[in-house]
Amino acid sequence: MNPHDFARLIIVEKLNGTINPKKSGDMGIDGWAEFMTIPVQVKRWEHKVGRPEVDKFAHAVERDRKKKGIIVAFDFSRDCYEEAERVKHDKKIEIQLKSVKEIFNHN
């Protein structure tokens, strides 16, 4: 499955959201959940998502003038969780880290 179809499956089918119509130049936001109020980024990586991705996504959430965002991936590194806590504390932006397994088991 290509990355755009995977993002559509997660965002539209599992989070009942809206996909970003821009396939490139999306500024780090693949779509939105909860009536376009929560930016979502989907990573289909074979390795763990790390701290830099949370940092970049926090900037995208801030640019979108939101206070909350969701990153969906297969796995996250420990420093990824630490960065999400730092961003929440320092910038008052909540970045939820959700595994693909959690998304599919929840719905």
Protein backbone atom coordinates (compact mmCIF):
# COMPACT_ATOMS: atom_id res chain seq x y z
CA MET A 1 0.00 0.00 0.00
CA ASN A 2 1.44 3.37 -0.93
CA PRO A 3 1.93 6.01 1.80
CA HIS A 4 -1.01 8.18 0.69
CA ASP A 5 -3.44 5.24 0.68
CA PHE A 6 -2.14 4.17 4.09
CA ALA A 7 -2.62 7.69 5.49
CA ARG A 8 -6.15 7.78 4.01
CA LEU A 9 -6.98 4.42 5.64
CA ILE A 10 -5.79 5.62 9.05
CA ILE A 11 -7.21 9.15 8.94
CA VAL A 12 -10.49 8.66 7.09
CA GLU A 13 -11.45 5.07 7.94
CA LYS A 14 -10.07 4.75 11.48
CA LEU A 15 -10.11 8.31 12.86
CA ASN A 16 -13.18 9.53 10.91
CA GLY A 17 -11.11 12.46 9.74
CA THR A 18 -10.32 14.38 6.59
CA ILE A 19 -7.25 13.77 4.46
CA ASN A 20 -5.05 16.69 3.41
CA PRO A 21 -5.68 17.17 -0.33
CA LYS A 22 -1.99 18.11 -0.82
CA LYS A 23 0.12 15.02 -1.42
CA SER A 24 3.32 17.02 -1.41
CA GLY A 25 3.95 20.28 0.36
CA ASP A 26 1.49 19.32 3.10
CA MET A 27 3.66 21.15 5.66
CA GLY A 28 3.80 18.05 7.87
CA ILE A 29 0.06 17.47 8.20
CA ASP A 30 -1.43 14.43 6.46
CA GLY A 31 -4.98 15.21 7.57
CA TRP A 32 -7.22 16.21 10.46
CA ALA A 33 -9.37 14.35 12.98
CA GLU A 34 -12.41 15.53 14.94
CA PHE A 35 -13.92 17.93 12.42
CA MET A 36 -10.56 19.30 11.28
CA THR A 37 -9.57 20.38 14.79
CA ILE A 38 -6.68 17.95 15.35
CA PRO A 39 -3.80 17.70 12.84
CA VAL A 40 -2.66 14.13 12.11
CA GLN A 41 0.60 12.79 10.73
CA VAL A 42 0.95 9.16 9.68
CA LYS A 43 4.34 7.43 9.46
CA ARG A 44 4.61 4.09 7.70
CA TRP A 45 8.22 3.50 8.67
CA GLU A 46 9.82 0.15 9.42
CA HIS A 47 11.94 1.77 12.14
CA LYS A 48 10.84 3.64 15.25
CA VAL A 49 9.76 7.25 14.92
CA GLY A 50 12.12 9.43 16.95
CA ARG A 51 12.38 12.78 18.66
CA PRO A 52 12.99 14.91 15.53
CA GLU A 53 9.61 13.91 14.09
CA VAL A 54 7.77 15.10 17.20
CA ASP A 55 9.68 18.37 17.08
CA LYS A 56 8.86 18.94 13.38
CA PHE A 57 5.21 17.96 13.86
CA ALA A 58 4.86 20.30 16.87
CA HIS A 59 5.92 23.16 14.56
CA ALA A 60 3.33 22.05 11.99
CA VAL A 61 0.62 21.94 14.67
CA GLU A 62 1.64 25.39 15.86
CA ARG A 63 1.59 26.70 12.26
CA ASP A 64 -1.94 25.27 11.91
CA ARG A 65 -2.85 27.27 15.06
CA LYS A 66 -3.85 24.17 17.00
CA LYS A 67 -2.93 22.99 20.50
CA LYS A 68 -3.17 19.25 19.89
CA GLY A 69 -1.96 16.77 17.27
CA ILE A 70 -1.70 13.03 16.65
CA ILE A 71 1.19 11.05 15.18
CA VAL A 72 0.33 7.51 14.10
CA ALA A 73 3.18 5.05 13.51
CA PHE A 74 4.09 1.41 13.99
CA ASP A 75 6.51 2.19 16.84
CA PHE A 76 8.05 5.11 18.72
CA SER A 77 11.42 5.53 20.42
CA ARG A 78 11.71 6.45 24.09
CA ASP A 79 13.08 9.89 23.19
CA CYS A 80 9.98 10.41 21.04
CA TYR A 81 7.77 10.10 24.15
CA GLU A 82 10.15 12.37 26.08
CA GLU A 83 9.96 15.01 23.35
CA ALA A 84 6.14 14.84 23.34
CA GLU A 85 6.20 15.54 27.10
CA ARG A 86 8.68 18.40 26.64
CA VAL A 87 6.52 20.00 23.92
CA LYS A 88 3.45 19.65 26.12
CA HIS A 89 5.24 21.29 29.05
CA ASP A 90 7.15 24.01 27.17
CA LYS A 91 4.83 24.88 24.27
CA LYS A 92 1.48 23.74 25.71
CA ILE A 93 0.94 21.59 22.59
CA GLU A 94 -0.25 18.03 23.19
CA ILE A 95 1.17 15.52 20.73
CA GLN A 96 -0.50 12.12 21.09
CA LEU A 97 1.58 9.16 19.92
CA LYS A 98 -0.68 6.35 18.73
CA SER A 99 0.47 3.03 17.36
CA VAL A 100 -1.13 1.55 14.26
CA LYS A 101 -2.00 -1.49 16.38
CA GLU A 102 -3.78 0.73 18.90
CA ILE A 103 -5.75 2.46 16.12
CA PHE A 104 -6.88 -0.82 14.56
CA ASN A 105 -7.71 -2.49 17.89
CA HIS A 106 -9.60 0.54 19.19
CA ASN A 107 -12.01 0.86 16.27
